[in-house]
Amino acid sequence: MMSRERWARRCFPSKLVVECVVGLSILGVIAIRLDVVVTGKAHAGRGTAYDELEHELAVVMRRARGLSGALARDVHPDVDASAYGLLARIDEVGSVRVTDLASYFSVGKPTVSRQVALLEQLALVQRTQNEEDARSRHLSLTDAGRAVLERAREARRERTRATLEAWTPEEVAQFATLLRRFNETL
């Protein structure tokens, strides 16, 4: 894919024209975004509400990846974002098999096993005998794992509060409801 600047240089040899075309292109993107904010409607050039939604979800996912990495480092400098997710899921269900974690996150068992091994080395999770099936073992958080996860969650909640400080409580509640509904359909 060609950058706006390269495209403009190719079509318009004058440097001044290139700068104007690039500047107008950027202003056009800003105007489209402002139009959406002011009118609440997607710009005709963007397409349907589904197009706008797909774009905004892509932006959220890119930003979430960076934020997840930061949250994981809040847990421990050696923990990556996916391991933070494992800790949160283990805390949510209390006790779980590696196979069930792999299924929940739609990844292979070896991937989860490697991450769990690191969490065990850091004494954040422990394996216990499954009382229903002696062949399998369950994972649960250690006290240290629970404490570290709670500190990371509090940091995440504070970031969320700061990000949404201009929103009304009703808007936050509505966003949470719609997001929950969206997640339930995935």
N, C-alpha and C. Protein backbone atom coordinates (compact mmCIF):
# COMPACT_ATOMS: atom_id res chain seq x y z
N MET A 1 0.84 -1.18 0.00
CA MET A 1 0.00 0.00 0.00
C MET A 1 0.89 1.25 0.00
N MET A 2 0.54 2.19 -0.84
CA MET A 2 1.34 3.39 -1.00
C MET A 2 0.89 4.45 0.02
N SER A 3 1.85 5.13 0.61
CA SER A 3 1.52 6.20 1.55
C SER A 3 0.90 7.37 0.79
N ARG A 4 0.16 8.20 1.54
CA ARG A 4 -0.45 9.39 0.92
C ARG A 4 0.62 10.27 0.29
N GLU A 5 1.74 10.42 1.00
CA GLU A 5 2.78 11.30 0.50
C GLU A 5 3.38 10.75 -0.79
N ARG A 6 3.65 9.44 -0.85
CA ARG A 6 4.22 8.86 -2.07
C ARG A 6 3.24 8.97 -3.23
N TRP A 7 1.96 8.72 -2.94
CA TRP A 7 0.93 8.84 -3.96
C TRP A 7 0.88 10.28 -4.49
N ALA A 8 0.90 11.25 -3.57
CA ALA A 8 0.83 12.65 -3.97
C ALA A 8 2.04 13.05 -4.80
N ARG A 9 3.24 12.58 -4.40
CA ARG A 9 4.46 12.91 -5.17
C ARG A 9 4.38 12.34 -6.58
N ARG A 10 3.83 11.16 -6.68
CA ARG A 10 3.75 10.51 -7.97
C ARG A 10 2.77 11.25 -8.89
N CYS A 11 1.65 11.71 -8.33
CA CYS A 11 0.62 12.38 -9.12
C CYS A 11 0.90 13.86 -9.34
N PHE A 12 1.60 14.49 -8.37
CA PHE A 12 1.85 15.93 -8.41
C PHE A 12 3.32 16.19 -8.14
N PRO A 13 4.11 16.56 -9.17
CA PRO A 13 5.55 16.71 -8.98
C PRO A 13 5.96 17.88 -8.09
N SER A 14 5.14 18.89 -7.95
CA SER A 14 5.51 20.05 -7.15
C SER A 14 5.44 19.72 -5.66
N LYS A 15 6.51 20.10 -4.92
CA LYS A 15 6.55 19.82 -3.48
C LYS A 15 5.41 20.52 -2.75
N LEU A 16 5.10 21.74 -3.15
CA LEU A 16 4.02 22.49 -2.51
C LEU A 16 2.68 21.77 -2.70
N VAL A 17 2.46 21.27 -3.91
CA VAL A 17 1.21 20.55 -4.18
C VAL A 17 1.16 19.27 -3.34
N VAL A 18 2.28 18.58 -3.23
CA VAL A 18 2.34 17.35 -2.42
C VAL A 18 1.94 17.66 -0.99
N GLU A 19 2.53 18.71 -0.43
CA GLU A 19 2.21 19.08 0.95
C GLU A 19 0.74 19.44 1.10
N CYS A 20 0.19 20.12 0.12
CA CYS A 20 -1.23 20.48 0.19
C CYS A 20 -2.11 19.25 0.11
N VAL A 21 -1.80 18.33 -0.80
CA VAL A 21 -2.61 17.12 -0.95
C VAL A 21 -2.55 16.29 0.33
N VAL A 22 -1.35 16.11 0.88
CA VAL A 22 -1.21 15.34 2.12
C VAL A 22 -1.97 16.04 3.25
N GLY A 23 -1.81 17.35 3.35
CA GLY A 23 -2.51 18.10 4.39
C GLY A 23 -4.01 18.00 4.24
N LEU A 24 -4.51 18.14 3.01
CA LEU A 24 -5.95 18.04 2.79
C LEU A 24 -6.46 16.63 3.09
N SER A 25 -5.67 15.64 2.75
CA SER A 25 -6.05 14.26 3.03
C SER A 25 -6.20 14.04 4.54
N ILE A 26 -5.24 14.53 5.30
CA ILE A 26 -5.30 14.40 6.76
C ILE A 26 -6.48 15.18 7.31
N LEU A 27 -6.70 16.41 6.79
CA LEU A 27 -7.85 17.20 7.22
C LEU A 27 -9.16 16.49 6.89
N GLY A 28 -9.18 15.80 5.76
CA GLY A 28 -10.39 15.05 5.39
C GLY A 28 -10.70 13.95 6.39
N VAL A 29 -9.67 13.23 6.83
CA VAL A 29 -9.86 12.18 7.84
C VAL A 29 -10.36 12.80 9.14
N ILE A 30 -9.78 13.92 9.54
CA ILE A 30 -10.21 14.59 10.77
C ILE A 30 -11.66 15.05 10.62
N ALA A 31 -12.01 15.59 9.47
CA ALA A 31 -13.38 16.06 9.25
C ALA A 31 -14.37 14.91 9.32
N ILE A 32 -14.01 13.77 8.74
CA ILE A 32 -14.89 12.60 8.81
C ILE A 32 -15.11 12.20 10.26
N ARG A 33 -14.04 12.15 11.04
CA ARG A 33 -14.17 11.77 12.45
C ARG A 33 -15.00 12.79 13.22
N LEU A 34 -14.79 14.09 12.97
CA LEU A 34 -15.58 15.11 13.65
C LEU A 34 -17.04 15.02 13.25
N ASP A 35 -17.31 14.74 11.98
CA ASP A 35 -18.68 14.60 11.51
C ASP A 35 -19.36 13.45 12.25
N VAL A 36 -18.67 12.35 12.43
CA VAL A 36 -19.23 11.21 13.15
C VAL A 36 -19.51 11.59 14.60
N VAL A 37 -18.59 12.31 15.23
CA VAL A 37 -18.77 12.71 16.62
C VAL A 37 -19.95 13.67 16.74
N VAL A 38 -20.04 14.66 15.85
CA VAL A 38 -21.08 15.69 15.94
C VAL A 38 -22.45 15.13 15.57
N THR A 39 -22.53 14.39 14.46
CA THR A 39 -23.83 13.93 13.97
C THR A 39 -24.20 12.55 14.50
N GLY A 40 -23.20 11.79 14.94
CA GLY A 40 -23.47 10.42 15.38
C GLY A 40 -23.66 9.46 14.22
N LYS A 41 -23.40 9.92 12.99
CA LYS A 41 -23.59 9.09 11.81
C LYS A 41 -22.25 8.89 11.11
N ALA A 42 -22.09 7.72 10.52
CA ALA A 42 -20.88 7.45 9.76
C ALA A 42 -20.86 8.31 8.51
N HIS A 43 -19.70 8.77 8.13
CA HIS A 43 -19.52 9.55 6.92
C HIS A 43 -19.82 8.66 5.71
N ALA A 44 -20.40 9.25 4.69
CA ALA A 44 -20.77 8.48 3.51
C ALA A 44 -19.56 7.76 2.90
N GLY A 45 -18.39 8.37 3.02
CA GLY A 45 -17.18 7.74 2.47
C GLY A 45 -16.75 6.52 3.27
N ARG A 46 -17.16 6.43 4.52
CA ARG A 46 -16.76 5.32 5.38
C ARG A 46 -17.65 4.11 5.12
N GLY A 47 -18.91 4.32 4.83
CA GLY A 47 -19.82 3.22 4.59
C GLY A 47 -20.83 3.09 5.71
N THR A 48 -21.22 1.89 5.94
CA THR A 48 -22.29 1.61 6.90
C THR A 48 -21.81 1.72 8.34
N ALA A 49 -22.77 1.64 9.24
CA ALA A 49 -22.44 1.62 10.67
C ALA A 49 -21.54 0.43 10.98
N TYR A 50 -21.71 -0.67 10.26
CA TYR A 50 -20.85 -1.84 10.46
C TYR A 50 -19.41 -1.55 10.07
N ASP A 51 -19.23 -0.76 9.02
CA ASP A 51 -17.88 -0.35 8.61
C ASP A 51 -17.23 0.49 9.71
N GLU A 52 -18.01 1.44 10.23
CA GLU A 52 -17.51 2.31 11.30
C GLU A 52 -17.17 1.48 12.54
N LEU A 53 -18.05 0.55 12.87
CA LEU A 53 -17.83 -0.32 14.02
C LEU A 53 -16.57 -1.17 13.84
N GLU A 54 -16.40 -1.73 12.66
CA GLU A 54 -15.21 -2.55 12.40
C GLU A 54 -13.96 -1.72 12.57
N HIS A 55 -13.98 -0.50 12.07
CA HIS A 55 -12.82 0.38 12.19
C HIS A 55 -12.52 0.68 13.66
N GLU A 56 -13.55 1.06 14.41
CA GLU A 56 -13.35 1.42 15.82
C GLU A 56 -12.91 0.21 16.64
N LEU A 57 -13.44 -0.97 16.33
CA LEU A 57 -12.98 -2.18 17.04
C LEU A 57 -11.52 -2.47 16.74
N ALA A 58 -11.10 -2.26 15.50
CA ALA A 58 -9.69 -2.46 15.16
C ALA A 58 -8.80 -1.52 15.96
N VAL A 59 -9.22 -0.27 16.10
CA VAL A 59 -8.45 0.70 16.89
C VAL A 59 -8.39 0.26 18.34
N VAL A 60 -9.53 -0.15 18.89
CA VAL A 60 -9.58 -0.60 20.30
C VAL A 60 -8.66 -1.80 20.49
N MET A 61 -8.69 -2.75 19.57
CA MET A 61 -7.86 -3.95 19.73
C MET A 61 -6.37 -3.61 19.68
N ARG A 62 -5.98 -2.70 18.78
CA ARG A 62 -4.57 -2.30 18.73
C ARG A 62 -4.15 -1.65 20.05
N ARG A 63 -4.98 -0.76 20.55
CA ARG A 63 -4.66 -0.09 21.80
C ARG A 63 -4.70 -1.06 22.97
N ALA A 64 -5.62 -2.00 22.95
CA ALA A 64 -5.75 -2.97 24.04
C ALA A 64 -4.51 -3.86 24.12
N ARG A 65 -3.93 -4.21 22.98
CA ARG A 65 -2.71 -5.03 23.01
C ARG A 65 -1.61 -4.32 23.78
N GLY A 66 -1.43 -3.04 23.52
CA GLY A 66 -0.41 -2.28 24.24
C GLY A 66 -0.73 -2.16 25.72
N LEU A 67 -1.99 -1.91 26.03
CA LEU A 67 -2.41 -1.80 27.42
C LEU A 67 -2.27 -3.13 28.15
N SER A 68 -2.60 -4.22 27.47
CA SER A 68 -2.48 -5.54 28.09
C SER A 68 -1.04 -5.85 28.46
N GLY A 69 -0.13 -5.45 27.60
CA GLY A 69 1.29 -5.64 27.90
C GLY A 69 1.70 -4.86 29.14
N ALA A 70 1.23 -3.64 29.25
CA ALA A 70 1.54 -2.81 30.43
C ALA A 70 0.93 -3.42 31.68
N LEU A 71 -0.30 -3.91 31.59
CA LEU A 71 -0.94 -4.54 32.75
C LEU A 71 -0.19 -5.79 33.18
N ALA A 72 0.25 -6.56 32.20
CA ALA A 72 0.99 -7.77 32.53
C ALA A 72 2.30 -7.43 33.24
N ARG A 73 2.96 -6.37 32.80
CA ARG A 73 4.20 -5.96 33.46
C ARG A 73 3.93 -5.47 34.88
N ASP A 74 2.70 -4.97 35.13
CA ASP A 74 2.32 -4.60 36.50
C ASP A 74 2.29 -5.83 37.40
N VAL A 75 1.94 -6.98 36.82
CA VAL A 75 1.92 -8.23 37.57
C VAL A 75 3.34 -8.66 37.89
N HIS A 76 4.16 -8.74 36.84
CA HIS A 76 5.57 -9.13 36.99
C HIS A 76 6.27 -8.77 35.68
N PRO A 77 7.51 -8.29 35.73
CA PRO A 77 8.20 -7.89 34.49
C PRO A 77 8.37 -9.02 33.48
N ASP A 78 8.34 -10.28 33.93
CA ASP A 78 8.52 -11.41 33.02
C ASP A 78 7.21 -11.95 32.45
N VAL A 79 6.08 -11.41 32.89
CA VAL A 79 4.78 -11.92 32.48
C VAL A 79 4.30 -11.16 31.25
N ASP A 80 3.83 -11.91 30.23
CA ASP A 80 3.28 -11.25 29.05
C ASP A 80 1.76 -11.12 29.17
N ALA A 81 1.17 -10.45 28.22
CA ALA A 81 -0.26 -10.13 28.29
C ALA A 81 -1.14 -11.37 28.37
N SER A 82 -0.78 -12.42 27.65
CA SER A 82 -1.61 -13.62 27.67
C SER A 82 -1.55 -14.31 29.03
N ALA A 83 -0.42 -14.24 29.71
CA ALA A 83 -0.32 -14.84 31.04
C ALA A 83 -1.18 -14.08 32.04
N TYR A 84 -1.29 -12.76 31.87
CA TYR A 84 -2.19 -11.97 32.72
C TYR A 84 -3.62 -12.46 32.53
N GLY A 85 -4.01 -12.72 31.30
CA GLY A 85 -5.34 -13.25 31.02
C GLY A 85 -5.58 -14.59 31.68
N LEU A 86 -4.55 -15.42 31.70
CA LEU A 86 -4.67 -16.72 32.38
C LEU A 86 -4.91 -16.54 33.88
N LEU A 87 -4.16 -15.63 34.49
CA LEU A 87 -4.36 -15.37 35.92
C LEU A 87 -5.80 -14.90 36.20
N ALA A 88 -6.27 -14.00 35.36
CA ALA A 88 -7.62 -13.47 35.56
C ALA A 88 -8.67 -14.58 35.40
N ARG A 89 -8.49 -15.45 34.42
CA ARG A 89 -9.45 -16.55 34.20
C ARG A 89 -9.40 -17.55 35.35
N ILE A 90 -8.22 -17.89 35.81
CA ILE A 90 -8.10 -18.82 36.94
C ILE A 90 -8.78 -18.23 38.16
N ASP A 91 -8.60 -16.95 38.38
CA ASP A 91 -9.26 -16.29 39.51
C ASP A 91 -10.78 -16.32 39.34
N GLU A 92 -11.24 -16.13 38.13
CA GLU A 92 -12.68 -16.10 37.85
C GLU A 92 -13.34 -17.45 38.13
N VAL A 93 -12.69 -18.54 37.74
CA VAL A 93 -13.31 -19.87 37.91
C VAL A 93 -12.85 -20.59 39.17
N GLY A 94 -11.78 -20.12 39.79
CA GLY A 94 -11.31 -20.71 41.05
C GLY A 94 -10.28 -21.81 40.86
N SER A 95 -10.64 -22.82 40.11
CA SER A 95 -9.76 -23.95 39.87
C SER A 95 -10.08 -24.49 38.48
N VAL A 96 -9.04 -24.77 37.69
CA VAL A 96 -9.28 -25.13 36.29
C VAL A 96 -8.14 -25.99 35.77
N ARG A 97 -8.46 -26.84 34.80
CA ARG A 97 -7.44 -27.65 34.13
C ARG A 97 -6.80 -26.85 33.00
N VAL A 98 -5.57 -27.17 32.66
CA VAL A 98 -4.87 -26.51 31.56
C VAL A 98 -5.67 -26.68 30.26
N THR A 99 -6.22 -27.86 30.05
CA THR A 99 -7.01 -28.13 28.85
C THR A 99 -8.20 -27.18 28.75
N ASP A 100 -8.85 -26.93 29.87
CA ASP A 100 -10.01 -26.03 29.88
C ASP A 100 -9.59 -24.58 29.59
N LEU A 101 -8.43 -24.18 30.09
CA LEU A 101 -7.91 -22.84 29.78
C LEU A 101 -7.63 -22.71 28.28
N ALA A 102 -6.99 -23.73 27.72
CA ALA A 102 -6.67 -23.70 26.29
C ALA A 102 -7.94 -23.60 25.46
N SER A 103 -8.95 -24.35 25.85
CA SER A 103 -10.23 -24.31 25.15
C SER A 103 -10.89 -22.94 25.28
N TYR A 104 -10.89 -22.38 26.48
CA TYR A 104 -11.51 -21.08 26.72
C TYR A 104 -10.87 -19.98 25.88
N PHE A 105 -9.53 -19.99 25.77
CA PHE A 105 -8.81 -18.96 25.02
C PHE A 105 -8.59 -19.33 23.55
N SER A 106 -9.07 -20.51 23.14
CA SER A 106 -8.94 -20.98 21.76
C SER A 106 -7.48 -21.03 21.31
N VAL A 107 -6.63 -21.58 22.17
CA VAL A 107 -5.22 -21.79 21.83
C VAL A 107 -4.86 -23.23 22.16
N GLY A 108 -3.70 -23.66 21.72
CA GLY A 108 -3.26 -25.02 21.98
C GLY A 108 -2.83 -25.23 23.43
N LYS A 109 -2.96 -26.47 23.87
CA LYS A 109 -2.55 -26.81 25.24
C LYS A 109 -1.06 -26.54 25.48
N PRO A 110 -0.16 -26.81 24.51
CA PRO A 110 1.26 -26.50 24.75
C PRO A 110 1.51 -25.01 25.02
N THR A 111 0.77 -24.15 24.35
CA THR A 111 0.92 -22.71 24.56
C THR A 111 0.57 -22.34 25.99
N VAL A 112 -0.58 -22.84 26.46
CA VAL A 112 -1.01 -22.55 27.83
C VAL A 112 -0.04 -23.19 28.83
N SER A 113 0.43 -24.39 28.55
CA SER A 113 1.35 -25.08 29.46
C SER A 113 2.63 -24.28 29.67
N ARG A 114 3.16 -23.69 28.60
CA ARG A 114 4.37 -22.87 28.72
C ARG A 114 4.12 -21.65 29.61
N GLN A 115 2.98 -21.01 29.41
CA GLN A 115 2.66 -19.82 30.21
C GLN A 115 2.42 -20.20 31.67
N VAL A 116 1.75 -21.32 31.88
CA VAL A 116 1.48 -21.79 33.25
C VAL A 116 2.79 -22.13 33.95
N ALA A 117 3.74 -22.72 33.22
CA ALA A 117 5.03 -23.06 33.82
C ALA A 117 5.71 -21.81 34.36
N LEU A 118 5.66 -20.71 33.61
CA LEU A 118 6.24 -19.46 34.08
C LEU A 118 5.50 -18.95 35.31
N LEU A 119 4.18 -19.01 35.28
CA LEU A 119 3.38 -18.56 36.43
C LEU A 119 3.67 -19.40 37.67
N GLU A 120 3.93 -20.69 37.46
CA GLU A 120 4.31 -21.56 38.59
C GLU A 120 5.69 -21.18 39.13
N GLN A 121 6.64 -20.92 38.24
CA GLN A 121 7.98 -20.51 38.67
C GLN A 121 7.94 -19.23 39.48
N LEU A 122 7.01 -18.35 39.13
CA LEU A 122 6.87 -17.09 39.85
C LEU A 122 6.00 -17.23 41.11
N ALA A 123 5.55 -18.45 41.37
CA ALA A 123 4.70 -18.77 42.54
C ALA A 123 3.39 -17.99 42.52
N LEU A 124 2.85 -17.78 41.32
CA LEU A 124 1.57 -17.10 41.19
C LEU A 124 0.41 -18.08 41.06
N VAL A 125 0.71 -19.29 40.57
CA VAL A 125 -0.29 -20.36 40.49
C VAL A 125 0.29 -21.64 41.07
N GLN A 126 -0.61 -22.54 41.43
CA GLN A 126 -0.18 -23.85 41.94
C GLN A 126 -1.06 -24.94 41.33
N ARG A 127 -0.48 -26.12 41.23
CA ARG A 127 -1.24 -27.28 40.73
C ARG A 127 -1.67 -28.13 41.91
N THR A 128 -2.90 -28.59 41.83
CA THR A 128 -3.42 -29.48 42.87
C THR A 128 -4.07 -30.68 42.20
N GLN A 129 -4.15 -31.77 42.92
CA GLN A 129 -4.75 -33.00 42.40
C GLN A 129 -6.24 -32.78 42.18
N ASN A 130 -6.75 -33.23 41.04
CA ASN A 130 -8.17 -33.16 40.74
C ASN A 130 -8.86 -34.29 41.50
N GLU A 131 -9.75 -33.94 42.39
CA GLU A 131 -10.42 -34.95 43.22
C GLU A 131 -11.34 -35.85 42.40
N GLU A 132 -11.87 -35.36 41.29
CA GLU A 132 -12.77 -36.13 40.45
C GLU A 132 -12.04 -37.06 39.48
N ASP A 133 -10.81 -36.69 39.13
CA ASP A 133 -10.04 -37.48 38.16
C ASP A 133 -8.58 -37.43 38.57
N ALA A 134 -8.09 -38.53 39.12
CA ALA A 134 -6.72 -38.57 39.65
C ALA A 134 -5.66 -38.38 38.57
N ARG A 135 -6.05 -38.53 37.29
CA ARG A 135 -5.08 -38.37 36.21
C ARG A 135 -4.81 -36.91 35.87
N SER A 136 -5.71 -36.03 36.27
CA SER A 136 -5.52 -34.62 35.91
C SER A 136 -5.27 -33.76 37.14
N ARG A 137 -4.73 -32.59 36.86
CA ARG A 137 -4.43 -31.63 37.94
C ARG A 137 -5.13 -30.32 37.63
N HIS A 138 -5.45 -29.61 38.68
CA HIS A 138 -6.11 -28.31 38.54
C HIS A 138 -5.15 -27.20 38.92
N LEU A 139 -5.35 -26.05 38.32
CA LEU A 139 -4.57 -24.86 38.64
C LEU A 139 -5.42 -23.93 39.49
N SER A 140 -4.78 -23.29 40.43
CA SER A 140 -5.44 -22.25 41.22
C SER A 140 -4.39 -21.19 41.55
N LEU A 141 -4.88 -20.01 41.90
CA LEU A 141 -3.97 -18.94 42.27
C LEU A 141 -3.42 -19.17 43.66
N THR A 142 -2.19 -18.77 43.85
CA THR A 142 -1.62 -18.75 45.20
C THR A 142 -2.05 -17.43 45.85
N ASP A 143 -1.78 -17.28 47.13
CA ASP A 143 -2.08 -16.01 47.79
C ASP A 143 -1.32 -14.87 47.13
N ALA A 144 -0.06 -15.15 46.77
CA ALA A 144 0.75 -14.13 46.10
C ALA A 144 0.15 -13.80 44.73
N GLY A 145 -0.32 -14.80 44.01
CA GLY A 145 -0.94 -14.59 42.71
C GLY A 145 -2.20 -13.74 42.81
N ARG A 146 -3.00 -14.03 43.82
CA ARG A 146 -4.22 -13.25 44.04
C ARG A 146 -3.91 -11.79 44.37
N ALA A 147 -2.91 -11.58 45.21
CA ALA A 147 -2.52 -10.22 45.61
C ALA A 147 -1.98 -9.43 44.42
N VAL A 148 -1.13 -10.06 43.62
CA VAL A 148 -0.56 -9.39 42.45
C VAL A 148 -1.65 -9.06 41.43
N LEU A 149 -2.56 -10.01 41.23
CA LEU A 149 -3.65 -9.80 40.28
C LEU A 149 -4.56 -8.65 40.76
N GLU A 150 -4.84 -8.60 42.04
CA GLU A 150 -5.69 -7.52 42.56
C GLU A 150 -5.03 -6.16 42.39
N ARG A 151 -3.73 -6.08 42.61
CA ARG A 151 -3.02 -4.80 42.39
C ARG A 151 -3.09 -4.39 40.92
N ALA A 152 -2.91 -5.35 40.03
CA ALA A 152 -2.98 -5.05 38.60
C ALA A 152 -4.39 -4.64 38.20
N ARG A 153 -5.40 -5.30 38.76
CA ARG A 153 -6.79 -4.94 38.46
C ARG A 153 -7.11 -3.54 38.96
N GLU A 154 -6.63 -3.20 40.12
CA GLU A 154 -6.89 -1.86 40.65
C GLU A 154 -6.24 -0.80 39.74
N ALA A 155 -5.04 -1.09 39.27
CA ALA A 155 -4.37 -0.16 38.33
C ALA A 155 -5.19 -0.04 37.05
N ARG A 156 -5.74 -1.16 36.57
CA ARG A 156 -6.57 -1.14 35.35
C ARG A 156 -7.85 -0.33 35.59
N ARG A 157 -8.49 -0.54 36.74
CA ARG A 157 -9.71 0.21 37.05
C ARG A 157 -9.41 1.71 37.11
N GLU A 158 -8.29 2.07 37.70
CA GLU A 158 -7.92 3.48 37.80
C GLU A 158 -7.67 4.08 36.41
N ARG A 159 -7.01 3.32 35.54
CA ARG A 159 -6.80 3.79 34.16
C ARG A 159 -8.14 3.99 33.46
N THR A 160 -9.06 3.06 33.67
CA THR A 160 -10.38 3.15 33.04
C THR A 160 -11.13 4.37 33.57
N ARG A 161 -11.08 4.57 34.88
CA ARG A 161 -11.74 5.76 35.46
C ARG A 161 -11.16 7.04 34.87
N ALA A 162 -9.86 7.12 34.77
CA ALA A 162 -9.21 8.31 34.22
C ALA A 162 -9.57 8.51 32.75
N THR A 163 -9.62 7.44 32.00
CA THR A 163 -9.95 7.52 30.58
C THR A 163 -11.38 8.01 30.37
N LEU A 164 -12.29 7.56 31.23
CA LEU A 164 -13.71 7.87 31.06
C LEU A 164 -14.21 8.96 32.01
N GLU A 165 -13.30 9.75 32.54
CA GLU A 165 -13.70 10.75 33.54
C GLU A 165 -14.70 11.78 33.01
N ALA A 166 -14.70 12.03 31.71
CA ALA A 166 -15.63 13.00 31.13
C ALA A 166 -17.00 12.38 30.85
N TRP A 167 -17.13 11.07 31.00
CA TRP A 167 -18.39 10.39 30.74
C TRP A 167 -19.27 10.46 31.97
N THR A 168 -20.58 10.48 31.75
CA THR A 168 -21.51 10.42 32.89
C THR A 168 -21.59 8.98 33.38
N PRO A 169 -22.02 8.77 34.63
CA PRO A 169 -22.20 7.40 35.12
C PRO A 169 -23.17 6.59 34.24
N GLU A 170 -24.18 7.26 33.69
CA GLU A 170 -25.14 6.57 32.82
C GLU A 170 -24.47 6.10 31.53
N GLU A 171 -23.59 6.94 30.97
CA GLU A 171 -22.88 6.57 29.75
C GLU A 171 -21.94 5.39 30.01
N VAL A 172 -21.27 5.40 31.13
CA VAL A 172 -20.37 4.28 31.48
C VAL A 172 -21.19 3.00 31.63
N ALA A 173 -22.34 3.09 32.32
CA ALA A 173 -23.20 1.91 32.51
C ALA A 173 -23.73 1.40 31.17
N GLN A 174 -24.12 2.31 30.29
CA GLN A 174 -24.62 1.91 28.97
C GLN A 174 -23.51 1.24 28.16
N PHE A 175 -22.32 1.82 28.19
CA PHE A 175 -21.18 1.23 27.48
C PHE A 175 -20.89 -0.17 28.01
N ALA A 176 -20.89 -0.33 29.33
CA ALA A 176 -20.64 -1.65 29.93
C ALA A 176 -21.70 -2.66 29.49
N THR A 177 -22.96 -2.23 29.47
CA THR A 177 -24.05 -3.12 29.06
C THR A 177 -23.89 -3.56 27.61
N LEU A 178 -23.61 -2.60 26.72
CA LEU A 178 -23.45 -2.94 25.31
C LEU A 178 -22.21 -3.80 25.07
N LEU A 179 -21.13 -3.51 25.79
CA LEU A 179 -19.91 -4.30 25.64
C LEU A 179 -20.13 -5.73 26.13
N ARG A 180 -20.84 -5.88 27.25
CA ARG A 180 -21.16 -7.21 27.77
C ARG A 180 -21.99 -7.99 26.75
N ARG A 181 -22.98 -7.31 26.20
CA ARG A 181 -23.84 -7.96 25.18
C ARG A 181 -23.01 -8.38 23.98
N PHE A 182 -22.11 -7.52 23.55
CA PHE A 182 -21.24 -7.85 22.41
C PHE A 182 -20.37 -9.06 22.75
N ASN A 183 -19.76 -9.06 23.91
CA ASN A 183 -18.89 -10.17 24.31
C ASN A 183 -19.66 -11.48 24.42
N GLU A 184 -20.90 -11.42 24.86
CA GLU A 184 -21.70 -12.64 24.97
C GLU A 184 -22.03 -13.24 23.62
N THR A 185 -22.04 -12.43 22.57
CA THR A 185 -22.34 -12.95 21.24
C THR A 185 -21.12 -13.52 20.53
N LEU A 186 -19.95 -13.24 21.06
CA LEU A 186 -18.72 -13.76 20.42
C LEU A 186 -18.55 -15.25 20.66
